[in-house]
Amino acid sequence: MNRSDESRAWQSQLELGLVPTFACNLRCTHCFVGERRRGRPMSLEQFLTALRDAKALGVRSLQITGGELFVYAHRLAVLQHLVGTGIPTGISTNGTRLSRDDVAVLQGSRVSLCFSVDGPAEVHDAMRGAGSLAKTELAAAHCVRYGVPFDVSSTVTRSSLPAVIDTVRQVIDMGAWSVHLSPLQQLGGCSEKVADQRLNEEDCVDLMARIAAIRDSLPDGVEVSTRNLGLRVTAVTHPCAVCACWGEFCPSKKYWPTSLYLTPDGEVLPQSMHVHRRYSLGNAFAQGLTEVIGSYWQSAKHRRFQALCRYVYQDLIYDSDRPLFYWDELLRQASHI
């Protein structure tokens, strides 16, 4: 396989995250966005150009995140064009600004939603604002009515851990087909202010035990998993899991990033929105997304990111005696050194 073929193979496996805005209508206690919410959003033209380029590149899937898409001025046009591309797409949202008309646009498409639900009302609303859970539940009801699939992402803190199984049952009753339990990470912004709510190692083991205990009682087709919490034994068995593969001829070829994120100002970041901008592939608004991504394979920028991942793997995972790790958190911290 020559370099051009390898580049195309990589592009076909990419998940491209598009971040039209960092603005949001909520002020969650654990939000990592921080001061970035004050930045300028993408213009509609910039977003649609990126969408056309994504289709031309043949990416595997899209993830629309932020910020909150449903405070974006051009959200209806965005939804219509996402439906039109035919690319499998997930939209992360708090659900509080999602209308019935928004959901109706997505009916019968390859676009799904991911709602944030962090526990029963007393837990969720304490983190996201009074009355926010009721609005998210209404949005979920719209999805059920129109047959639009949705999953749920739940941030797990020391306060919400005791109720985590009730949370899983709660969102399944809402109609979720998948539940992702994400332990709170320190990723900047407000997340630093609630560091005392971060799960310790014992809490993480407890979380995984609770998930194992409930799996056999789940309805058919419903999945519950952890997100962003890695097992050291898995990474050590093969570092492909953390984009740090040492084998040039490894069949899984995961020494490249499996995700890219296009931020509102055009920077394209590898694997995580939280890495330092020195690892940016380039600016899509200045160079074009196809050029930025197409020239990345085996470039000096790619090798620099490889070196970062391999440092995180070798020094912070392989040489550690801790059985669990937070991949995004380790990557962010190492990239800012």
Protein backbone atom coordinates (compact mmCIF):
# COMPACT_ATOMS: atom_id res chain seq x y z
CA MET A 1 0.00 0.00 0.00
CA ASN A 2 1.54 3.33 -1.03
CA ARG A 3 1.32 6.55 0.97
CA SER A 4 -1.65 7.88 -1.00
CA ASP A 5 -3.58 4.64 -0.42
CA GLU A 6 -2.66 4.69 3.27
CA SER A 7 -3.87 8.28 3.59
CA ARG A 8 -7.22 7.43 1.98
CA ALA A 9 -7.56 4.35 4.21
CA TRP A 10 -6.95 6.56 7.25
CA GLN A 11 -9.49 9.15 6.11
CA SER A 12 -12.14 6.47 5.62
CA GLN A 13 -11.77 5.48 9.29
CA LEU A 14 -11.86 9.01 10.70
CA GLU A 15 -14.53 10.47 12.91
CA LEU A 16 -14.59 14.21 12.28
CA GLY A 17 -15.84 16.42 15.09
CA LEU A 18 -17.30 19.75 14.02
CA VAL A 19 -17.59 22.46 16.67
CA PRO A 20 -19.67 25.30 15.19
CA THR A 21 -19.73 27.21 18.48
CA PHE A 22 -18.49 27.02 22.05
CA ALA A 23 -21.46 29.10 23.21
CA CYS A 24 -24.00 27.45 25.50
CA ASN A 25 -27.20 28.36 27.32
CA LEU A 26 -26.14 26.50 30.48
CA ARG A 27 -23.32 27.10 32.94
CA CYS A 28 -22.55 23.60 34.11
CA THR A 29 -20.35 23.29 37.17
CA HIS A 30 -18.03 20.81 35.44
CA CYS A 31 -17.85 22.34 31.93
CA PHE A 32 -14.41 22.27 30.29
CA VAL A 33 -15.12 25.05 27.75
CA GLY A 34 -14.50 27.95 30.12
CA GLU A 35 -13.62 31.26 28.47
CA ARG A 36 -13.74 29.72 24.99
CA ARG A 37 -17.52 30.20 25.02
CA ARG A 38 -16.88 33.91 24.37
CA GLY A 39 -15.20 33.21 21.03
CA ARG A 40 -16.77 33.78 17.62
CA PRO A 41 -18.77 30.89 16.15
CA MET A 42 -18.25 29.50 12.68
CA SER A 43 -20.15 31.24 9.93
CA LEU A 44 -22.72 29.10 8.15
CA GLU A 45 -20.57 29.21 5.00
CA GLN A 46 -17.56 27.90 6.93
CA PHE A 47 -19.60 25.08 8.43
CA LEU A 48 -21.11 24.04 5.09
CA THR A 49 -17.71 24.15 3.37
CA ALA A 50 -16.33 21.85 6.08
CA LEU A 51 -19.29 19.53 5.60
CA ARG A 52 -18.69 19.33 1.83
CA ASP A 53 -15.00 18.66 2.41
CA ALA A 54 -15.82 15.93 4.94
CA LYS A 55 -17.96 14.18 2.35
CA ALA A 56 -15.23 14.52 -0.28
CA LEU A 57 -12.66 13.07 2.13
CA GLY A 58 -14.89 10.06 2.79
CA VAL A 59 -14.80 10.25 6.58
CA ARG A 60 -16.49 7.42 8.46
CA SER A 61 -18.71 9.60 10.66
CA LEU A 62 -19.34 13.09 12.02
CA GLN A 63 -19.76 14.29 15.59
CA ILE A 64 -21.30 17.72 16.19
CA THR A 65 -20.25 19.04 19.56
CA GLY A 66 -19.43 22.25 21.37
CA GLY A 67 -20.70 24.30 23.07
CA GLU A 68 -24.35 23.74 22.31
CA LEU A 69 -25.50 23.41 18.70
CA PHE A 70 -29.05 24.44 19.53
CA VAL A 71 -28.05 27.98 20.48
CA TYR A 72 -26.26 28.37 17.14
CA ALA A 73 -27.99 30.93 14.91
CA HIS A 74 -27.99 28.65 11.84
CA ARG A 75 -29.00 25.43 13.56
CA LEU A 76 -31.93 24.61 11.24
CA ALA A 77 -29.77 24.95 8.11
CA VAL A 78 -27.10 22.83 9.81
CA LEU A 79 -29.62 20.08 10.61
CA GLN A 80 -30.97 20.07 7.06
CA HIS A 81 -27.50 19.79 5.52
CA LEU A 82 -26.42 17.09 7.96
CA VAL A 83 -29.44 15.04 6.92
CA GLY A 84 -28.57 15.67 3.27
CA THR A 85 -24.97 14.43 3.46
CA GLY A 86 -25.99 10.89 4.41
CA ILE A 87 -22.92 10.57 6.64
CA PRO A 88 -23.66 8.88 10.01
CA THR A 89 -23.72 11.79 12.45
CA GLY A 90 -24.08 12.20 16.19
CA ILE A 91 -25.05 15.50 17.80
CA SER A 92 -24.08 16.07 21.44
CA THR A 93 -26.56 18.34 23.20
CA ASN A 94 -27.88 19.20 26.63
CA GLY A 95 -31.35 18.93 25.06
CA THR A 96 -32.80 22.00 26.79
CA ARG A 97 -33.15 24.05 23.58
CA LEU A 98 -34.19 21.24 21.27
CA SER A 99 -37.65 21.80 19.79
CA ARG A 100 -40.12 19.38 18.27
CA ASP A 101 -39.49 21.02 14.87
CA ASP A 102 -35.76 20.37 15.21
CA VAL A 103 -36.39 16.70 15.87
CA ALA A 104 -38.85 16.42 13.00
CA VAL A 105 -36.11 17.48 10.55
CA LEU A 106 -34.03 14.47 11.63
CA GLN A 107 -36.79 11.88 11.17
CA GLY A 108 -35.67 8.98 8.96
CA SER A 109 -32.10 10.28 8.60
CA ARG A 110 -28.69 8.95 9.67
CA VAL A 111 -28.41 11.64 12.35
CA SER A 112 -28.76 10.67 16.01
CA LEU A 113 -28.60 12.67 19.23
CA CYS A 114 -26.66 12.27 22.45
CA PHE A 115 -28.22 13.91 25.50
CA SER A 116 -26.41 14.79 28.72
CA VAL A 117 -28.13 13.32 31.78
CA ASP A 118 -26.10 13.20 34.97
CA GLY A 119 -28.54 11.63 37.38
CA PRO A 120 -31.94 12.20 38.98
CA ALA A 121 -33.21 15.79 39.01
CA GLU A 122 -31.58 16.76 42.30
CA VAL A 123 -28.15 15.68 40.99
CA HIS A 124 -28.51 16.73 37.35
CA ASP A 125 -30.02 20.15 38.07
CA ALA A 126 -27.39 20.89 40.73
CA MET A 127 -24.75 20.45 38.01
CA ARG A 128 -26.57 22.02 35.06
CA GLY A 129 -29.21 24.40 36.43
CA ALA A 130 -32.70 24.25 37.91
CA GLY A 131 -35.29 22.66 35.62
CA SER A 132 -32.78 21.49 33.03
CA LEU A 133 -33.53 17.77 33.36
CA ALA A 134 -37.26 18.28 32.69
CA LYS A 135 -36.40 20.07 29.43
CA THR A 136 -34.05 17.28 28.37
CA GLU A 137 -36.73 14.69 29.12
CA LEU A 138 -39.16 16.61 26.89
CA ALA A 139 -36.58 16.59 24.07
CA ALA A 140 -36.17 12.83 24.51
CA ALA A 141 -39.96 12.43 24.27
CA HIS A 142 -39.89 14.30 20.93
CA CYS A 143 -37.24 11.85 19.70
CA VAL A 144 -39.34 8.86 20.71
CA ARG A 145 -42.36 10.36 18.94
CA TYR A 146 -40.46 10.91 15.66
CA GLY A 147 -38.34 7.77 15.81
CA VAL A 148 -35.04 9.65 16.09
CA PRO A 149 -32.49 7.47 17.94
CA PHE A 150 -30.61 8.90 20.87
CA ASP A 151 -28.09 7.82 23.44
CA VAL A 152 -27.08 9.42 26.71
CA SER A 153 -23.77 10.57 28.11
CA SER A 154 -23.63 10.85 31.88
CA THR A 155 -20.82 12.58 33.75
CA VAL A 156 -20.10 10.52 36.86
CA THR A 157 -18.89 12.36 39.95
CA ARG A 158 -18.41 11.27 43.55
CA SER A 159 -21.85 12.74 44.29
CA SER A 160 -23.62 10.98 41.42
CA LEU A 161 -21.86 7.59 41.68
CA PRO A 162 -24.24 6.13 44.33
CA ALA A 163 -27.21 6.76 42.01
CA VAL A 164 -25.53 5.63 38.78
CA ILE A 165 -27.64 2.47 38.32
CA ASP A 166 -30.83 4.46 38.90
CA THR A 167 -29.55 6.92 36.27
CA VAL A 168 -29.05 4.10 33.77
CA ARG A 169 -32.59 2.81 34.34
CA GLN A 170 -33.93 6.37 34.17
CA VAL A 171 -32.49 7.10 30.72
CA ILE A 172 -33.44 3.69 29.36
CA ASP A 173 -37.02 4.48 30.39
CA MET A 174 -36.65 7.76 28.47
CA GLY A 175 -35.88 5.72 25.34
CA ALA A 176 -32.07 5.77 25.14
CA TRP A 177 -30.50 2.90 23.18
CA SER A 178 -27.05 3.36 24.70
CA VAL A 179 -25.64 4.90 27.90
CA HIS A 180 -22.07 6.18 28.21
CA LEU A 181 -20.83 6.76 31.76
CA SER A 182 -17.98 9.28 31.73
CA PRO A 183 -16.05 9.89 34.94
CA LEU A 184 -15.37 13.58 35.49
CA GLN A 185 -12.00 14.61 34.07
CA GLN A 186 -9.89 17.71 34.59
CA LEU A 187 -9.91 19.17 31.10
CA GLY A 188 -9.71 22.87 31.86
CA GLY A 189 -12.48 25.44 32.33
CA CYS A 190 -14.81 24.86 35.27
CA SER A 191 -13.78 21.20 35.56
CA GLU A 192 -10.74 22.36 37.55
CA LYS A 193 -13.04 23.94 40.16
CA VAL A 194 -14.80 20.68 40.94
CA ALA A 195 -11.69 18.49 41.07
CA ASP A 196 -12.81 17.18 44.46
CA GLN A 197 -15.70 15.46 42.63
CA ARG A 198 -13.34 13.45 40.45
CA LEU A 199 -13.53 9.69 40.99
CA ASN A 200 -10.52 8.09 42.63
CA GLU A 201 -9.27 4.67 41.63
CA GLU A 202 -11.49 2.87 44.14
CA ASP A 203 -14.52 4.79 42.85
CA CYS A 204 -13.69 3.79 39.27
CA VAL A 205 -13.49 0.13 40.22
CA ASP A 206 -16.85 0.56 41.98
CA LEU A 207 -18.32 2.13 38.83
CA MET A 208 -17.17 -0.75 36.64
CA ALA A 209 -18.55 -3.28 39.12
CA ARG A 210 -21.93 -1.52 39.10
CA ILE A 211 -22.00 -1.62 35.29
CA ALA A 212 -21.15 -5.34 35.25
CA ALA A 213 -23.92 -6.02 37.77
CA ILE A 214 -26.62 -4.39 35.66
CA ARG A 215 -25.65 -5.66 32.18
CA ASP A 216 -27.60 -8.92 32.35
CA SER A 217 -30.82 -7.08 33.22
CA LEU A 218 -30.67 -4.58 30.34
CA PRO A 219 -33.29 -4.69 27.58
CA ASP A 220 -32.17 -6.35 24.34
CA GLY A 221 -30.05 -4.02 22.21
CA VAL A 222 -29.29 -1.52 25.01
CA GLU A 223 -25.63 -1.01 25.89
CA VAL A 224 -23.95 0.58 28.90
CA SER A 225 -20.27 1.47 28.78
CA THR A 226 -17.66 3.73 30.30
CA ARG A 227 -16.16 6.50 28.20
CA ASN A 228 -12.66 8.00 28.51
CA LEU A 229 -11.67 5.51 31.21
CA GLY A 230 -8.92 3.17 29.99
CA LEU A 231 -7.66 -0.14 31.31
CA ARG A 232 -3.87 -0.25 31.58
CA VAL A 233 -3.80 -3.96 30.74
CA THR A 234 -5.58 -3.26 27.42
CA ALA A 235 -3.20 -0.44 26.48
CA VAL A 236 -0.14 -2.48 27.44
CA THR A 237 -1.35 -5.46 25.41
CA HIS A 238 -1.33 -3.20 22.39
CA PRO A 239 -0.83 0.59 22.35
CA CYS A 240 -3.13 0.99 19.33
CA ALA A 241 -5.81 1.77 21.91
CA VAL A 242 -4.02 5.07 22.64
CA CYS A 243 -2.82 5.90 19.09
CA ALA A 244 0.74 4.92 20.04
CA CYS A 245 1.33 1.84 17.90
CA TRP A 246 5.04 1.15 17.41
CA GLY A 247 4.54 -1.39 14.63
CA GLU A 248 4.95 0.04 11.13
CA PHE A 249 3.17 -3.03 9.77
CA CYS A 250 0.51 -3.37 12.44
CA PRO A 251 -2.73 -4.39 10.67
CA SER A 252 -4.83 -2.01 12.78
CA LYS A 253 -2.61 0.95 11.78
CA LYS A 254 -3.65 3.01 14.78
CA TYR A 255 -0.54 5.12 15.04
CA TRP A 256 -2.61 7.94 13.61
CA PRO A 257 -5.41 9.86 15.38
CA THR A 258 -8.81 8.21 14.94
CA SER A 259 -10.66 11.49 15.52
CA LEU A 260 -10.11 15.08 14.41
CA TYR A 261 -11.87 18.20 15.71
CA LEU A 262 -12.53 21.35 13.70
CA THR A 263 -12.89 24.22 16.18
CA PRO A 264 -14.90 27.43 15.60
CA ASP A 265 -11.78 29.36 14.53
CA GLY A 266 -10.77 26.74 11.98
CA GLU A 267 -8.00 24.88 13.83
CA VAL A 268 -8.00 21.11 13.29
CA LEU A 269 -6.93 19.24 16.43
CA PRO A 270 -5.98 15.55 16.60
CA GLN A 271 -7.86 13.07 18.79
CA SER A 272 -9.16 15.56 21.36
CA MET A 273 -10.44 19.14 21.58
CA HIS A 274 -8.22 19.54 24.61
CA VAL A 275 -4.74 19.10 23.16
CA HIS A 276 -2.51 22.17 22.86
CA ARG A 277 -2.74 24.02 19.58
CA ARG A 278 0.90 23.39 18.83
CA TYR A 279 -0.35 19.96 17.69
CA SER A 280 -2.90 21.42 15.26
CA LEU A 281 -2.92 19.96 11.75
CA GLY A 282 -3.49 23.48 10.40
CA ASN A 283 -6.29 25.96 9.86
CA ALA A 284 -9.07 24.69 7.63
CA PHE A 285 -10.44 28.17 6.97
CA ALA A 286 -7.08 29.37 5.67
CA GLN A 287 -5.91 26.22 3.86
CA GLY A 288 -9.06 24.16 3.26
CA LEU A 289 -10.00 21.06 5.23
CA THR A 290 -9.10 18.64 2.42
CA GLU A 291 -5.60 20.11 2.17
CA VAL A 292 -5.07 20.17 5.94
CA ILE A 293 -6.13 16.56 6.40
CA GLY A 294 -4.75 15.26 3.10
CA SER A 295 -1.24 16.54 3.81
CA TYR A 296 -1.12 15.31 7.42
CA TRP A 297 -0.33 11.67 6.82
CA GLN A 298 3.36 11.03 7.65
CA SER A 299 4.06 14.78 7.90
CA ALA A 300 6.23 16.39 10.59
CA LYS A 301 3.02 17.42 12.39
CA HIS A 302 1.86 13.81 12.40
CA ARG A 303 5.21 12.60 13.73
CA ARG A 304 5.06 15.23 16.50
CA PHE A 305 1.64 13.96 17.59
CA GLN A 306 2.89 10.36 17.40
CA ALA A 307 5.74 11.31 19.71
CA LEU A 308 3.26 12.86 22.17
CA CYS A 309 1.07 9.74 22.21
CA ARG A 310 4.09 7.49 22.64
CA TYR A 311 5.36 9.59 25.54
CA VAL A 312 1.95 9.38 27.24
CA TYR A 313 1.86 5.65 26.62
CA GLN A 314 5.40 4.87 27.75
CA ASP A 315 5.83 7.21 30.69
CA LEU A 316 2.30 7.70 32.00
CA ILE A 317 0.61 4.37 31.22
CA TYR A 318 3.12 1.56 30.57
CA ASP A 319 5.50 2.55 33.37
CA SER A 320 2.65 3.23 35.79
CA ASP A 321 1.35 0.72 38.29
CA ARG A 322 -2.17 2.19 38.19
CA PRO A 323 -4.70 -0.17 36.55
CA LEU A 324 -6.90 2.62 35.15
CA PHE A 325 -6.21 5.88 33.33
CA TYR A 326 -8.00 8.88 31.81
CA TRP A 327 -6.73 9.09 28.21
CA ASP A 328 -8.05 12.57 27.33
CA GLU A 329 -6.80 14.00 30.60
CA LEU A 330 -3.31 12.54 30.23
CA LEU A 331 -3.11 13.67 26.60
CA ARG A 332 -4.19 17.21 27.44
CA GLN A 333 -1.77 17.55 30.34
CA ALA A 334 1.18 16.19 28.36
CA SER A 335 0.44 18.41 25.33
CA HIS A 336 0.54 21.55 27.50
CA ILE A 337 4.01 20.82 28.96
